[in-house]
Amino acid sequence: MNVKKIAVFVSGSGTNAQKIIQYFSGNEQIKVDSLWSNKPDAYALVRGAALGVDTFVFTRKQFYETNEVVEKLKNRDVGLIVLAGFLWLVPDHLIDNFQIINIHPALLPKYGGKGMYGMKVHQAVVDNRDTESGISIHFVNQKYDEGELIFQAKCLVLPSDSPEDVAKKVHELEYQYFPVVIEQLLQGKIR
């Protein structure tokens, strides 16, 4: 049986990465092979290691100017790269070699693009008095948050909600749906 391997790329605390690793724990067809970060102090690395996943740290030079990351991923037989709070724009040599998906904490095309991540997104939702927010899971292309949409889920935003309240609702959607969408994609149920 051919096991489908996922590499998760992170820049921060790694709560989504942890949920993805836990979701596929014990799955015989799909495995989180490795966790990759551009930040050596990302807490996601601690989470990954604690769950028995190999972790790697790379520099800006290794990521953008060499094929080192691509070669390591190929040697590990990775079939899908999942961005879970990874903040760098992905270079062409990775896009050309792997299927890559990302999760964004808003309903794209709203509040996407360079610099729009985390609490900045939730603050914008509150500032603009939006009545809903949510998550967008999309394929990665050469521009921030502009790849083809795979899935969206919505949550209500109340007039009394703070950015932190919105973040909590959005995180719940991320944890609920991201692993499931990854699984459906790898099973060929969505394209």
N, C-alpha and C. Protein backbone atom coordinates (compact mmCIF):
# COMPACT_ATOMS: atom_id res chain seq x y z
N MET A 1 0.84 -1.19 0.00
CA MET A 1 0.00 0.00 0.00
C MET A 1 0.89 1.25 0.00
N ASN A 2 0.51 2.20 -0.83
CA ASN A 2 1.28 3.43 -0.93
C ASN A 2 0.76 4.45 0.08
N VAL A 3 1.58 4.78 1.06
CA VAL A 3 1.18 5.78 2.06
C VAL A 3 1.38 7.17 1.48
N LYS A 4 0.37 8.01 1.61
CA LYS A 4 0.48 9.39 1.14
C LYS A 4 1.08 10.23 2.27
N LYS A 5 2.16 10.93 1.94
CA LYS A 5 2.90 11.68 2.97
C LYS A 5 2.69 13.18 2.84
N ILE A 6 2.49 13.80 4.00
CA ILE A 6 2.26 15.24 4.09
C ILE A 6 3.45 15.89 4.79
N ALA A 7 3.87 17.04 4.27
CA ALA A 7 4.82 17.90 4.99
C ALA A 7 4.06 19.15 5.39
N VAL A 8 4.11 19.50 6.66
CA VAL A 8 3.41 20.69 7.16
C VAL A 8 4.44 21.80 7.37
N PHE A 9 4.17 22.97 6.80
CA PHE A 9 5.05 24.14 6.94
C PHE A 9 4.42 25.13 7.90
N VAL A 10 5.21 25.61 8.86
CA VAL A 10 4.70 26.49 9.92
C VAL A 10 5.69 27.62 10.20
N SER A 11 5.17 28.68 10.79
CA SER A 11 6.03 29.77 11.25
C SER A 11 5.79 30.11 12.73
N GLY A 12 4.72 29.58 13.32
CA GLY A 12 4.35 30.01 14.66
C GLY A 12 4.13 28.90 15.65
N SER A 13 3.04 29.03 16.43
CA SER A 13 2.82 28.13 17.56
C SER A 13 2.40 26.72 17.15
N GLY A 14 1.76 26.59 15.99
CA GLY A 14 1.51 25.26 15.46
C GLY A 14 0.28 24.54 15.96
N THR A 15 -0.76 25.27 16.38
CA THR A 15 -1.96 24.57 16.84
C THR A 15 -2.63 23.81 15.70
N ASN A 16 -2.68 24.39 14.51
CA ASN A 16 -3.25 23.67 13.36
C ASN A 16 -2.39 22.47 13.00
N ALA A 17 -1.08 22.64 13.01
CA ALA A 17 -0.18 21.53 12.72
C ALA A 17 -0.43 20.37 13.69
N GLN A 18 -0.58 20.70 14.97
CA GLN A 18 -0.82 19.68 15.98
C GLN A 18 -2.13 18.93 15.69
N LYS A 19 -3.18 19.67 15.36
CA LYS A 19 -4.48 19.04 15.06
C LYS A 19 -4.37 18.12 13.84
N ILE A 20 -3.61 18.54 12.83
CA ILE A 20 -3.44 17.73 11.62
C ILE A 20 -2.67 16.45 11.95
N ILE A 21 -1.59 16.58 12.71
CA ILE A 21 -0.80 15.41 13.09
C ILE A 21 -1.66 14.43 13.89
N GLN A 22 -2.41 14.96 14.85
CA GLN A 22 -3.25 14.09 15.69
C GLN A 22 -4.35 13.43 14.86
N TYR A 23 -4.92 14.17 13.91
CA TYR A 23 -6.00 13.64 13.08
C TYR A 23 -5.53 12.42 12.28
N PHE A 24 -4.31 12.49 11.74
CA PHE A 24 -3.82 11.40 10.89
C PHE A 24 -3.04 10.34 11.66
N SER A 25 -2.90 10.52 12.97
CA SER A 25 -2.22 9.53 13.79
C SER A 25 -2.99 8.21 13.70
N GLY A 26 -2.30 7.15 13.33
CA GLY A 26 -2.97 5.86 13.23
C GLY A 26 -3.61 5.60 11.87
N ASN A 27 -3.61 6.59 10.99
CA ASN A 27 -4.16 6.41 9.64
C ASN A 27 -3.11 5.64 8.81
N GLU A 28 -3.53 4.55 8.20
CA GLU A 28 -2.57 3.72 7.46
C GLU A 28 -2.34 4.21 6.03
N GLN A 29 -3.21 5.07 5.52
CA GLN A 29 -3.07 5.56 4.15
C GLN A 29 -2.41 6.93 4.05
N ILE A 30 -2.58 7.74 5.10
CA ILE A 30 -2.09 9.12 5.08
C ILE A 30 -1.28 9.38 6.35
N LYS A 31 -0.10 10.00 6.16
CA LYS A 31 0.78 10.22 7.31
C LYS A 31 1.38 11.62 7.23
N VAL A 32 1.45 12.29 8.36
CA VAL A 32 2.22 13.54 8.43
C VAL A 32 3.67 13.11 8.58
N ASP A 33 4.43 13.30 7.52
CA ASP A 33 5.81 12.84 7.47
C ASP A 33 6.74 13.75 8.24
N SER A 34 6.52 15.08 8.10
CA SER A 34 7.49 16.01 8.67
C SER A 34 6.88 17.39 8.84
N LEU A 35 7.53 18.16 9.71
CA LEU A 35 7.12 19.53 10.02
C LEU A 35 8.31 20.43 9.71
N TRP A 36 8.06 21.50 8.95
CA TRP A 36 9.13 22.38 8.47
C TRP A 36 8.85 23.80 8.92
N SER A 37 9.90 24.50 9.37
CA SER A 37 9.70 25.88 9.80
C SER A 37 10.85 26.79 9.36
N ASN A 38 10.49 28.03 9.09
CA ASN A 38 11.47 29.06 8.78
C ASN A 38 11.94 29.76 10.06
N LYS A 39 11.40 29.36 11.20
CA LYS A 39 11.77 29.98 12.48
C LYS A 39 12.25 28.91 13.45
N PRO A 40 13.52 28.95 13.83
CA PRO A 40 14.05 27.91 14.72
C PRO A 40 13.39 27.90 16.10
N ASP A 41 12.77 29.02 16.49
CA ASP A 41 12.12 29.08 17.80
C ASP A 41 10.60 28.91 17.72
N ALA A 42 10.07 28.48 16.57
CA ALA A 42 8.63 28.26 16.43
C ALA A 42 8.19 27.15 17.37
N TYR A 43 7.18 27.41 18.17
CA TYR A 43 6.71 26.41 19.14
C TYR A 43 6.13 25.19 18.42
N ALA A 44 5.74 25.37 17.16
CA ALA A 44 5.24 24.24 16.36
C ALA A 44 6.26 23.10 16.31
N LEU A 45 7.55 23.43 16.31
CA LEU A 45 8.60 22.41 16.26
C LEU A 45 8.56 21.54 17.52
N VAL A 46 8.29 22.16 18.65
CA VAL A 46 8.17 21.43 19.91
C VAL A 46 6.96 20.50 19.85
N ARG A 47 5.84 21.04 19.36
CA ARG A 47 4.61 20.23 19.23
C ARG A 47 4.86 19.02 18.32
N GLY A 48 5.48 19.27 17.17
CA GLY A 48 5.73 18.21 16.20
C GLY A 48 6.61 17.11 16.77
N ALA A 49 7.71 17.53 17.40
CA ALA A 49 8.65 16.56 17.98
C ALA A 49 7.97 15.73 19.07
N ALA A 50 7.14 16.39 19.89
CA ALA A 50 6.44 15.69 20.97
C ALA A 50 5.48 14.64 20.42
N LEU A 51 5.01 14.84 19.20
CA LEU A 51 4.09 13.89 18.58
C LEU A 51 4.81 12.90 17.65
N GLY A 52 6.15 12.92 17.70
CA GLY A 52 6.94 11.93 16.97
C GLY A 52 7.14 12.23 15.49
N VAL A 53 6.99 13.48 15.11
CA VAL A 53 7.16 13.87 13.71
C VAL A 53 8.54 14.50 13.53
N ASP A 54 9.24 14.12 12.47
CA ASP A 54 10.54 14.73 12.17
C ASP A 54 10.36 16.21 11.88
N THR A 55 11.26 17.03 12.43
CA THR A 55 11.16 18.48 12.23
C THR A 55 12.43 19.01 11.55
N PHE A 56 12.21 20.05 10.75
CA PHE A 56 13.31 20.67 10.00
C PHE A 56 13.17 22.18 10.06
N VAL A 57 14.31 22.85 10.12
CA VAL A 57 14.35 24.31 10.06
C VAL A 57 15.18 24.70 8.85
N PHE A 58 14.73 25.71 8.12
CA PHE A 58 15.48 26.15 6.95
C PHE A 58 15.62 27.67 6.98
N THR A 59 16.63 28.15 6.29
CA THR A 59 16.89 29.59 6.21
C THR A 59 16.22 30.17 4.96
N ARG A 60 16.16 31.48 4.92
CA ARG A 60 15.61 32.16 3.73
C ARG A 60 16.41 31.77 2.48
N LYS A 61 17.74 31.71 2.64
CA LYS A 61 18.60 31.35 1.50
C LYS A 61 18.30 29.93 1.02
N GLN A 62 18.21 28.98 1.95
CA GLN A 62 17.91 27.59 1.57
C GLN A 62 16.56 27.49 0.86
N PHE A 63 15.59 28.26 1.31
CA PHE A 63 14.23 28.19 0.79
C PHE A 63 14.11 28.81 -0.60
N TYR A 64 14.73 29.98 -0.77
CA TYR A 64 14.55 30.74 -2.01
C TYR A 64 15.66 30.54 -3.05
N GLU A 65 16.88 30.27 -2.59
CA GLU A 65 18.01 30.29 -3.52
C GLU A 65 18.60 28.92 -3.84
N THR A 66 18.10 27.88 -3.20
CA THR A 66 18.61 26.53 -3.47
C THR A 66 17.44 25.57 -3.68
N ASN A 67 17.77 24.37 -4.09
CA ASN A 67 16.77 23.30 -4.23
C ASN A 67 16.82 22.35 -3.03
N GLU A 68 17.50 22.77 -1.99
CA GLU A 68 17.71 21.91 -0.82
C GLU A 68 16.40 21.40 -0.22
N VAL A 69 15.44 22.30 -0.02
CA VAL A 69 14.16 21.91 0.58
C VAL A 69 13.41 20.97 -0.36
N VAL A 70 13.38 21.30 -1.65
CA VAL A 70 12.72 20.45 -2.64
C VAL A 70 13.32 19.04 -2.63
N GLU A 71 14.64 18.96 -2.63
CA GLU A 71 15.31 17.66 -2.67
C GLU A 71 15.02 16.83 -1.42
N LYS A 72 15.04 17.48 -0.26
CA LYS A 72 14.75 16.76 0.99
C LYS A 72 13.32 16.23 0.98
N LEU A 73 12.39 17.06 0.51
CA LEU A 73 10.99 16.63 0.45
C LEU A 73 10.82 15.47 -0.53
N LYS A 74 11.48 15.55 -1.67
CA LYS A 74 11.41 14.46 -2.66
C LYS A 74 12.01 13.18 -2.10
N ASN A 75 13.14 13.29 -1.40
CA ASN A 75 13.78 12.12 -0.80
C ASN A 75 12.88 11.45 0.24
N ARG A 76 12.02 12.24 0.86
CA ARG A 76 11.10 11.71 1.86
C ARG A 76 9.79 11.24 1.23
N ASP A 77 9.68 11.40 -0.09
CA ASP A 77 8.49 10.95 -0.84
C ASP A 77 7.22 11.69 -0.41
N VAL A 78 7.37 12.99 -0.13
CA VAL A 78 6.22 13.82 0.25
C VAL A 78 5.37 14.11 -0.98
N GLY A 79 4.06 13.96 -0.82
CA GLY A 79 3.15 14.21 -1.93
C GLY A 79 2.36 15.50 -1.81
N LEU A 80 2.22 16.02 -0.60
CA LEU A 80 1.43 17.23 -0.37
C LEU A 80 2.11 18.10 0.67
N ILE A 81 2.21 19.38 0.37
CA ILE A 81 2.68 20.34 1.36
C ILE A 81 1.48 21.12 1.87
N VAL A 82 1.36 21.20 3.18
CA VAL A 82 0.27 21.92 3.83
C VAL A 82 0.87 23.11 4.58
N LEU A 83 0.43 24.31 4.22
CA LEU A 83 0.87 25.51 4.95
C LEU A 83 -0.13 25.75 6.07
N ALA A 84 0.37 25.76 7.30
CA ALA A 84 -0.48 25.95 8.48
C ALA A 84 0.13 27.07 9.32
N GLY A 85 -0.15 28.30 8.90
CA GLY A 85 0.45 29.43 9.59
C GLY A 85 1.88 29.66 9.13
N PHE A 86 2.15 29.41 7.87
CA PHE A 86 3.46 29.66 7.28
C PHE A 86 3.39 30.98 6.53
N LEU A 87 4.30 31.92 6.84
CA LEU A 87 4.11 33.30 6.39
C LEU A 87 4.93 33.73 5.19
N TRP A 88 5.81 32.88 4.67
CA TRP A 88 6.60 33.28 3.51
C TRP A 88 5.87 32.92 2.22
N LEU A 89 6.10 33.72 1.19
CA LEU A 89 5.59 33.41 -0.14
C LEU A 89 6.37 32.20 -0.67
N VAL A 90 5.66 31.24 -1.22
CA VAL A 90 6.29 30.00 -1.67
C VAL A 90 6.91 30.22 -3.05
N PRO A 91 8.19 29.84 -3.22
CA PRO A 91 8.86 30.05 -4.50
C PRO A 91 8.41 29.05 -5.57
N ASP A 92 8.63 29.45 -6.82
CA ASP A 92 8.21 28.63 -7.96
C ASP A 92 8.75 27.21 -7.92
N HIS A 93 10.02 27.03 -7.50
CA HIS A 93 10.58 25.68 -7.55
C HIS A 93 9.87 24.71 -6.60
N LEU A 94 9.20 25.20 -5.58
CA LEU A 94 8.37 24.32 -4.74
C LEU A 94 7.01 24.11 -5.40
N ILE A 95 6.42 25.20 -5.91
CA ILE A 95 5.10 25.12 -6.56
C ILE A 95 5.15 24.18 -7.76
N ASP A 96 6.27 24.20 -8.49
CA ASP A 96 6.41 23.35 -9.68
C ASP A 96 6.56 21.87 -9.35
N ASN A 97 6.97 21.56 -8.13
CA ASN A 97 7.26 20.17 -7.77
C ASN A 97 6.24 19.49 -6.85
N PHE A 98 5.39 20.30 -6.21
CA PHE A 98 4.47 19.73 -5.22
C PHE A 98 3.09 20.36 -5.29
N GLN A 99 2.10 19.59 -4.89
CA GLN A 99 0.78 20.17 -4.66
C GLN A 99 0.87 20.82 -3.28
N ILE A 100 0.44 22.08 -3.20
CA ILE A 100 0.56 22.84 -1.95
C ILE A 100 -0.78 23.50 -1.65
N ILE A 101 -1.23 23.37 -0.39
CA ILE A 101 -2.45 24.05 0.02
C ILE A 101 -2.17 24.90 1.25
N ASN A 102 -3.03 25.88 1.46
CA ASN A 102 -2.90 26.82 2.57
C ASN A 102 -4.26 27.03 3.21
N ILE A 103 -4.25 27.42 4.47
CA ILE A 103 -5.48 27.86 5.14
C ILE A 103 -5.33 29.32 5.49
N HIS A 104 -6.40 30.09 5.25
CA HIS A 104 -6.39 31.52 5.56
C HIS A 104 -7.56 31.83 6.50
N PRO A 105 -7.33 32.66 7.53
CA PRO A 105 -8.36 32.90 8.54
C PRO A 105 -9.37 33.98 8.17
N ALA A 106 -9.87 33.93 6.93
CA ALA A 106 -10.92 34.86 6.48
C ALA A 106 -11.56 34.26 5.25
N LEU A 107 -12.64 34.89 4.81
CA LEU A 107 -13.34 34.44 3.62
C LEU A 107 -12.75 35.15 2.41
N LEU A 108 -11.73 34.51 1.82
CA LEU A 108 -11.10 35.10 0.64
C LEU A 108 -12.13 35.31 -0.46
N PRO A 109 -12.01 36.35 -1.27
CA PRO A 109 -10.84 37.21 -1.42
C PRO A 109 -10.73 38.33 -0.38
N LYS A 110 -11.64 38.40 0.57
CA LYS A 110 -11.54 39.44 1.60
C LYS A 110 -10.34 39.19 2.51
N TYR A 111 -9.66 40.24 2.86
CA TYR A 111 -8.61 40.22 3.88
C TYR A 111 -7.48 39.24 3.59
N GLY A 112 -7.11 39.13 2.32
CA GLY A 112 -5.98 38.30 1.94
C GLY A 112 -4.82 39.17 1.48
N GLY A 113 -3.72 38.54 1.18
CA GLY A 113 -2.56 39.26 0.64
C GLY A 113 -1.45 39.41 1.66
N LYS A 114 -0.37 39.99 1.19
CA LYS A 114 0.83 40.15 2.02
C LYS A 114 0.50 40.94 3.29
N GLY A 115 0.96 40.44 4.41
CA GLY A 115 0.77 41.13 5.69
C GLY A 115 -0.57 40.86 6.36
N MET A 116 -1.47 40.15 5.67
CA MET A 116 -2.77 39.85 6.27
C MET A 116 -2.75 38.44 6.84
N TYR A 117 -2.50 38.37 8.13
CA TYR A 117 -2.47 37.08 8.81
C TYR A 117 -2.84 37.29 10.27
N GLY A 118 -3.26 36.21 10.91
CA GLY A 118 -3.54 36.22 12.34
C GLY A 118 -4.48 37.34 12.78
N MET A 119 -4.10 38.00 13.86
CA MET A 119 -4.96 39.02 14.47
C MET A 119 -5.19 40.22 13.55
N LYS A 120 -4.30 40.46 12.61
CA LYS A 120 -4.50 41.57 11.67
C LYS A 120 -5.77 41.35 10.86
N VAL A 121 -6.01 40.09 10.48
CA VAL A 121 -7.21 39.75 9.72
C VAL A 121 -8.45 39.95 10.59
N HIS A 122 -8.43 39.43 11.80
CA HIS A 122 -9.59 39.52 12.69
C HIS A 122 -9.89 40.97 13.07
N GLN A 123 -8.85 41.77 13.24
CA GLN A 123 -9.03 43.19 13.53
C GLN A 123 -9.73 43.88 12.35
N ALA A 124 -9.33 43.54 11.13
CA ALA A 124 -9.94 44.13 9.94
C ALA A 124 -11.42 43.75 9.84
N VAL A 125 -11.74 42.51 10.17
CA VAL A 125 -13.14 42.05 10.15
C VAL A 125 -13.97 42.88 11.12
N VAL A 126 -13.45 43.08 12.33
CA VAL A 126 -14.17 43.86 13.35
C VAL A 126 -14.25 45.33 12.95
N ASP A 127 -13.14 45.89 12.48
CA ASP A 127 -13.11 47.30 12.08
C ASP A 127 -14.11 47.60 10.97
N ASN A 128 -14.30 46.65 10.07
CA ASN A 128 -15.23 46.84 8.95
C ASN A 128 -16.65 46.41 9.28
N ARG A 129 -16.87 46.02 10.52
CA ARG A 129 -18.20 45.62 11.00
C ARG A 129 -18.83 44.50 10.16
N ASP A 130 -17.98 43.57 9.73
CA ASP A 130 -18.49 42.43 8.98
C ASP A 130 -19.40 41.59 9.89
N THR A 131 -20.39 40.95 9.28
CA THR A 131 -21.31 40.11 10.06
C THR A 131 -20.92 38.64 10.02
N GLU A 132 -19.92 38.32 9.17
CA GLU A 132 -19.43 36.95 9.14
C GLU A 132 -17.94 36.94 8.81
N SER A 133 -17.30 35.86 9.21
CA SER A 133 -15.92 35.61 8.82
C SER A 133 -15.81 34.12 8.61
N GLY A 134 -14.60 33.59 8.63
CA GLY A 134 -14.47 32.16 8.45
C GLY A 134 -13.09 31.76 7.99
N ILE A 135 -13.04 30.63 7.29
CA ILE A 135 -11.77 30.11 6.80
C ILE A 135 -11.85 29.86 5.30
N SER A 136 -10.70 29.94 4.66
CA SER A 136 -10.58 29.59 3.25
C SER A 136 -9.39 28.64 3.12
N ILE A 137 -9.62 27.50 2.51
CA ILE A 137 -8.55 26.57 2.19
C ILE A 137 -8.37 26.63 0.68
N HIS A 138 -7.14 26.86 0.25
CA HIS A 138 -6.91 27.08 -1.18
C HIS A 138 -5.58 26.50 -1.63
N PHE A 139 -5.49 26.26 -2.95
CA PHE A 139 -4.22 25.86 -3.53
C PHE A 139 -3.29 27.07 -3.52
N VAL A 140 -2.00 26.81 -3.45
CA VAL A 140 -1.01 27.88 -3.39
C VAL A 140 -0.48 28.15 -4.80
N ASN A 141 -0.43 29.43 -5.15
CA ASN A 141 0.22 29.83 -6.40
C ASN A 141 1.27 30.90 -6.08
N GLN A 142 1.66 31.69 -7.07
CA GLN A 142 2.77 32.63 -6.89
C GLN A 142 2.38 33.90 -6.13
N LYS A 143 1.11 34.05 -5.75
CA LYS A 143 0.69 35.26 -5.03
C LYS A 143 0.02 34.87 -3.71
N TYR A 144 0.21 35.71 -2.70
CA TYR A 144 -0.41 35.45 -1.40
C TYR A 144 -1.93 35.32 -1.52
N ASP A 145 -2.46 34.20 -1.08
CA ASP A 145 -3.90 33.99 -0.91
C ASP A 145 -4.72 34.13 -2.18
N GLU A 146 -4.10 33.90 -3.35
CA GLU A 146 -4.85 34.05 -4.60
C GLU A 146 -5.06 32.74 -5.35
N GLY A 147 -4.60 31.62 -4.78
CA GLY A 147 -4.78 30.33 -5.45
C GLY A 147 -6.24 29.89 -5.44
N GLU A 148 -6.53 28.92 -6.28
CA GLU A 148 -7.90 28.43 -6.43
C GLU A 148 -8.47 27.93 -5.10
N LEU A 149 -9.69 28.36 -4.79
CA LEU A 149 -10.35 27.95 -3.55
C LEU A 149 -10.73 26.49 -3.59
N ILE A 150 -10.54 25.81 -2.46
CA ILE A 150 -10.94 24.41 -2.31
C ILE A 150 -12.18 24.33 -1.43
N PHE A 151 -12.18 25.14 -0.35
CA PHE A 151 -13.24 25.01 0.66
C PHE A 151 -13.32 26.30 1.48
N GLN A 152 -14.54 26.67 1.87
CA GLN A 152 -14.74 27.76 2.83
C GLN A 152 -15.78 27.34 3.86
N ALA A 153 -15.62 27.83 5.08
CA ALA A 153 -16.62 27.66 6.13
C ALA A 153 -16.78 29.01 6.82
N LYS A 154 -18.01 29.31 7.24
CA LYS A 154 -18.32 30.62 7.81
C LYS A 154 -18.72 30.54 9.27
N CYS A 155 -18.51 31.67 9.95
CA CYS A 155 -19.02 31.83 11.31
C CYS A 155 -19.61 33.23 11.41
N LEU A 156 -20.55 33.39 12.32
CA LEU A 156 -21.16 34.70 12.53
C LEU A 156 -20.22 35.59 13.34
N VAL A 157 -20.24 36.87 13.02
CA VAL A 157 -19.51 37.86 13.81
C VAL A 157 -20.55 38.79 14.40
N LEU A 158 -20.59 38.86 15.71
CA LEU A 158 -21.57 39.71 16.40
C LEU A 158 -21.02 41.12 16.54
N PRO A 159 -21.91 42.11 16.62
CA PRO A 159 -21.44 43.50 16.79
C PRO A 159 -20.57 43.66 18.04
N SER A 160 -20.80 42.82 19.04
CA SER A 160 -20.04 42.92 20.30
C SER A 160 -18.72 42.15 20.26
N ASP A 161 -18.45 41.40 19.19
CA ASP A 161 -17.25 40.57 19.13
C ASP A 161 -15.97 41.41 19.03
N SER A 162 -14.98 41.01 19.80
CA SER A 162 -13.64 41.59 19.70
C SER A 162 -12.86 40.79 18.66
N PRO A 163 -11.70 41.29 18.22
CA PRO A 163 -10.87 40.47 17.32
C PRO A 163 -10.52 39.11 17.94
N GLU A 164 -10.34 39.08 19.25
CA GLU A 164 -10.03 37.81 19.94
C GLU A 164 -11.21 36.84 19.86
N ASP A 165 -12.44 37.38 19.96
CA ASP A 165 -13.63 36.54 19.83
C ASP A 165 -13.71 35.94 18.43
N VAL A 166 -13.44 36.76 17.44
CA VAL A 166 -13.46 36.28 16.05
C VAL A 166 -12.38 35.22 15.86
N ALA A 167 -11.20 35.47 16.40
CA ALA A 167 -10.10 34.50 16.29
C ALA A 167 -10.51 33.15 16.85
N LYS A 168 -11.17 33.15 18.00
CA LYS A 168 -11.59 31.90 18.64
C LYS A 168 -12.56 31.13 17.74
N LYS A 169 -13.52 31.84 17.16
CA LYS A 169 -14.50 31.19 16.26
C LYS A 169 -13.81 30.63 15.02
N VAL A 170 -12.88 31.40 14.47
CA VAL A 170 -12.17 30.97 13.26
C VAL A 170 -11.28 29.77 13.56
N HIS A 171 -10.59 29.79 14.71
CA HIS A 171 -9.75 28.64 15.10
C HIS A 171 -10.58 27.36 15.19
N GLU A 172 -11.78 27.47 15.75
CA GLU A 172 -12.64 26.29 15.86
C GLU A 172 -12.96 25.72 14.48
N LEU A 173 -13.22 26.60 13.51
CA LEU A 173 -13.46 26.14 12.13
C LEU A 173 -12.22 25.48 11.54
N GLU A 174 -11.06 26.10 11.80
CA GLU A 174 -9.80 25.53 11.28
C GLU A 174 -9.60 24.12 11.80
N TYR A 175 -9.73 23.94 13.11
CA TYR A 175 -9.50 22.64 13.72
C TYR A 175 -10.51 21.60 13.22
N GLN A 176 -11.74 22.04 13.01
CA GLN A 176 -12.80 21.14 12.57
C GLN A 176 -12.62 20.69 11.12
N TYR A 177 -12.27 21.63 10.25
CA TYR A 177 -12.32 21.34 8.81
C TYR A 177 -10.99 21.07 8.12
N PHE A 178 -9.90 21.69 8.57
CA PHE A 178 -8.65 21.59 7.81
C PHE A 178 -8.18 20.14 7.63
N PRO A 179 -8.11 19.33 8.71
CA PRO A 179 -7.67 17.94 8.52
C PRO A 179 -8.60 17.14 7.59
N VAL A 180 -9.90 17.40 7.69
CA VAL A 180 -10.88 16.67 6.88
C VAL A 180 -10.71 17.01 5.40
N VAL A 181 -10.50 18.29 5.09
CA VAL A 181 -10.32 18.72 3.71
C VAL A 181 -9.01 18.13 3.14
N ILE A 182 -7.96 18.11 3.95
CA ILE A 182 -6.69 17.49 3.53
C ILE A 182 -6.93 16.02 3.17
N GLU A 183 -7.65 15.33 4.03
CA GLU A 183 -7.94 13.91 3.80
C GLU A 183 -8.75 13.72 2.51
N GLN A 184 -9.78 14.53 2.32
CA GLN A 184 -10.61 14.42 1.11
C GLN A 184 -9.80 14.70 -0.14
N LEU A 185 -8.91 15.67 -0.06
CA LEU A 185 -8.05 16.00 -1.20
C LEU A 185 -7.14 14.80 -1.55
N LEU A 186 -6.53 14.21 -0.54
CA LEU A 186 -5.62 13.08 -0.76
C LEU A 186 -6.36 11.81 -1.20
N GLN A 187 -7.63 11.73 -0.86
CA GLN A 187 -8.44 10.58 -1.29
C GLN A 187 -9.05 10.81 -2.67
N GLY A 188 -8.81 12.00 -3.24
CA GLY A 188 -9.35 12.30 -4.56
C GLY A 188 -10.82 12.68 -4.57
N LYS A 189 -11.37 12.98 -3.39
CA LYS A 189 -12.79 13.34 -3.29
C LYS A 189 -13.03 14.80 -3.70
N ILE A 190 -11.99 15.61 -3.62
CA ILE A 190 -12.06 16.99 -4.11
C ILE A 190 -10.81 17.23 -4.93
N ARG A 191 -10.94 18.11 -5.91
CA ARG A 191 -9.79 18.39 -6.80
C ARG A 191 -9.57 19.88 -6.89
